Amino acid sequence: MKVHIHVTHPQMKVDEVIQGKNADEIVSATKSKIAEKAPFAIKLALRGMSNQMFMQELVKRYNSEAKPPKPLPIPSSAAEFLKIATQMGVATILEE
C-alpha cells in the first residue's frame, strides 16, 4: 500500500509518500511523520496517543475547524480513516 500524505497547517507541512503492508502501518507511519515535523508541544501530545486516538482526534479537529456541511464520521479502523482522510484532502491513496 502506498499513500501520499499532504498536510498544510500553519504550524507544519507534511508532503510525504508513505508505504506499508496495510492501513495500520500507513497510519502509524503517518503519525510518526506528523510528529517529526510538528512543533514541540504537538509532538509530545502525538507521542502520547495511540493510533486510534490519533485518527479520531484528527477527524474531530477537522470537523471542528473546517465545519463541513455534513461532519465526517469518527473512524473505527485504519482503513476507514484512510478513506476519510482522502475526503479531508490530506491523503491520496496511490496503491492499495
C-alpha atoms as a PDB file:
ATOM      1  CA  MET A   1       0.000   0.000   0.000  1.00  0.00           C
ATOM      2  CA  LYS A   2       1.260   3.477  -0.858  1.00  0.00           C
ATOM      3  CA  VAL A   3      -0.326   6.746   0.300  1.00  0.00           C
ATOM      4  CA  HIS A   4       0.646  10.370  -0.358  1.00  0.00           C
ATOM      5  CA  ILE A   5       0.131  12.431   2.797  1.00  0.00           C
ATOM      6  CA  HIS A   6      -0.139  16.169   2.240  1.00  0.00           C
ATOM      7  CA  VAL A   7      -0.902  18.253   5.306  1.00  0.00           C
ATOM      8  CA  THR A   8      -0.513  22.009   5.238  1.00  0.00           C
ATOM      9  CA  HIS A   9      -1.109  23.631   8.590  1.00  0.00           C
ATOM     10  CA  PRO A  10       0.128  26.985   9.901  1.00  0.00           C
ATOM     11  CA  GLN A  11       2.475  25.148  12.282  1.00  0.00           C
ATOM     12  CA  MET A  12       3.785  22.453   9.931  1.00  0.00           C
ATOM     13  CA  LYS A  13       3.820  20.976   6.460  1.00  0.00           C
ATOM     14  CA  VAL A  14       3.971  17.279   5.620  1.00  0.00           C
ATOM     15  CA  ASP A  15       4.272  16.174   1.998  1.00  0.00           C
ATOM     16  CA  GLU A  16       5.378  12.533   2.023  1.00  0.00           C
ATOM     17  CA  VAL A  17       4.667   9.268   0.248  1.00  0.00           C
ATOM     18  CA  ILE A  18       4.310   6.540   2.847  1.00  0.00           C
ATOM     19  CA  GLN A  19       4.422   2.815   2.152  1.00  0.00           C
ATOM     20  CA  GLY A  20       3.253  -0.055   4.317  1.00  0.00           C
ATOM     21  CA  LYS A  21       1.772  -3.533   4.181  1.00  0.00           C
ATOM     22  CA  ASN A  22      -1.645  -2.323   5.280  1.00  0.00           C
ATOM     23  CA  ALA A  23      -3.650   0.657   6.528  1.00  0.00           C
ATOM     24  CA  ASP A  24      -2.464   0.159  10.120  1.00  0.00           C
ATOM     25  CA  GLU A  25       1.174   0.562   9.070  1.00  0.00           C
ATOM     26  CA  ILE A  26       0.309   3.621   6.986  1.00  0.00           C
ATOM     27  CA  VAL A  27      -1.462   5.301   9.922  1.00  0.00           C
ATOM     28  CA  SER A  28       1.425   4.535  12.274  1.00  0.00           C
ATOM     29  CA  ALA A  29       3.980   5.942   9.819  1.00  0.00           C
ATOM     30  CA  THR A  30       1.786   8.993   9.175  1.00  0.00           C
ATOM     31  CA  LYS A  31       1.544   9.719  12.889  1.00  0.00           C
ATOM     32  CA  SER A  32       5.349   9.481  13.151  1.00  0.00           C
ATOM     33  CA  LYS A  33       5.910  11.795  10.162  1.00  0.00           C
ATOM     34  CA  ILE A  34       3.500  14.398  11.510  1.00  0.00           C
ATOM     35  CA  ALA A  35       5.109  14.207  14.966  1.00  0.00           C
ATOM     36  CA  GLU A  36       8.541  14.580  13.364  1.00  0.00           C
ATOM     37  CA  LYS A  37       7.563  17.871  11.703  1.00  0.00           C
ATOM     38  CA  ALA A  38       5.254  19.231  14.413  1.00  0.00           C
ATOM     39  CA  PRO A  39       6.117  21.874  16.994  1.00  0.00           C
ATOM     40  CA  PHE A  40       7.341  20.511  20.320  1.00  0.00           C
ATOM     41  CA  ALA A  41       4.013  20.634  22.209  1.00  0.00           C
ATOM     42  CA  ILE A  42       2.123  18.867  19.422  1.00  0.00           C
ATOM     43  CA  LYS A  43       4.950  16.330  19.099  1.00  0.00           C
ATOM     44  CA  LEU A  44       4.601  15.442  22.787  1.00  0.00           C
ATOM     45  CA  ALA A  45       0.831  15.096  22.522  1.00  0.00           C
ATOM     46  CA  LEU A  46       1.094  12.842  19.456  1.00  0.00           C
ATOM     47  CA  ARG A  47       3.640  10.562  21.086  1.00  0.00           C
ATOM     48  CA  GLY A  48       1.224  10.008  23.974  1.00  0.00           C
ATOM     49  CA  MET A  49      -1.633   8.982  21.662  1.00  0.00           C
ATOM     50  CA  SER A  50      -2.445   5.541  20.360  1.00  0.00           C
ATOM     51  CA  ASN A  51      -3.009   5.290  16.618  1.00  0.00           C
ATOM     52  CA  GLN A  52      -6.753   5.046  17.276  1.00  0.00           C
ATOM     53  CA  MET A  53      -6.716   8.250  19.346  1.00  0.00           C
ATOM     54  CA  PHE A  54      -4.635   9.984  16.659  1.00  0.00           C
ATOM     55  CA  MET A  55      -7.108   9.086  13.886  1.00  0.00           C
ATOM     56  CA  GLN A  56     -10.118  10.130  15.930  1.00  0.00           C
ATOM     57  CA  GLU A  57      -8.531  13.393  17.062  1.00  0.00           C
ATOM     58  CA  LEU A  58      -7.631  14.404  13.502  1.00  0.00           C
ATOM     59  CA  VAL A  59     -11.186  13.886  12.286  1.00  0.00           C
ATOM     60  CA  LYS A  60     -12.670  15.677  15.321  1.00  0.00           C
ATOM     61  CA  ARG A  61     -10.398  18.675  14.729  1.00  0.00           C
ATOM     62  CA  TYR A  62     -11.188  18.699  11.014  1.00  0.00           C
ATOM     63  CA  ASN A  63     -14.920  18.689  11.734  1.00  0.00           C
ATOM     64  CA  SER A  64     -14.472  21.469  14.294  1.00  0.00           C
ATOM     65  CA  GLU A  65     -12.216  23.698  12.181  1.00  0.00           C
ATOM     66  CA  ALA A  66     -13.428  23.076   8.614  1.00  0.00           C
ATOM     67  CA  LYS A  67     -17.090  22.827   9.576  1.00  0.00           C
ATOM     68  CA  PRO A  68     -18.090  20.642   6.616  1.00  0.00           C
ATOM     69  CA  PRO A  69     -21.840  20.645   5.761  1.00  0.00           C
ATOM     70  CA  LYS A  70     -22.010  17.048   6.958  1.00  0.00           C
ATOM     71  CA  PRO A  71     -19.416  16.188   9.635  1.00  0.00           C
ATOM     72  CA  LEU A  72     -17.154  13.301   8.712  1.00  0.00           C
ATOM     73  CA  PRO A  73     -17.652  10.139  10.797  1.00  0.00           C
ATOM     74  CA  ILE A  74     -15.155   9.281  13.513  1.00  0.00           C
ATOM     75  CA  PRO A  75     -13.126   6.320  12.186  1.00  0.00           C
ATOM     76  CA  SER A  76     -13.100   2.974  13.944  1.00  0.00           C
ATOM     77  CA  SER A  77     -10.293   1.431  11.861  1.00  0.00           C
ATOM     78  CA  ALA A  78      -7.202   2.492   9.957  1.00  0.00           C
ATOM     79  CA  ALA A  79      -8.772   1.529   6.621  1.00  0.00           C
ATOM     80  CA  GLU A  80     -11.806   3.686   7.401  1.00  0.00           C
ATOM     81  CA  PHE A  81      -9.519   6.530   8.462  1.00  0.00           C
ATOM     82  CA  LEU A  82      -7.654   6.471   5.138  1.00  0.00           C
ATOM     83  CA  LYS A  83     -10.932   6.775   3.249  1.00  0.00           C
ATOM     84  CA  ILE A  84     -11.955   9.687   5.466  1.00  0.00           C
ATOM     85  CA  ALA A  85      -8.501  11.292   5.098  1.00  0.00           C
ATOM     86  CA  THR A  86      -8.991  11.326   1.324  1.00  0.00           C
ATOM     87  CA  GLN A  87     -12.286  13.168   1.855  1.00  0.00           C
ATOM     88  CA  MET A  88     -10.474  15.613   4.159  1.00  0.00           C
ATOM     89  CA  GLY A  89      -7.963  16.243   1.389  1.00  0.00           C
ATOM     90  CA  VAL A  90      -4.913  15.161   3.394  1.00  0.00           C
ATOM     91  CA  ALA A  91      -4.293  11.774   1.775  1.00  0.00           C
ATOM     92  CA  THR A  92      -4.240  10.296  -1.701  1.00  0.00           C
ATOM     93  CA  ILE A  93      -4.178   6.522  -1.988  1.00  0.00           C
ATOM     94  CA  LEU A  94      -1.656   5.677  -4.720  1.00  0.00           C
ATOM     95  CA  GLU A  95      -1.657   1.877  -4.402  1.00  0.00           C
ATOM     96  CA  GLU A  96      -3.785  -0.493  -2.359  1.00  0.00           C
END
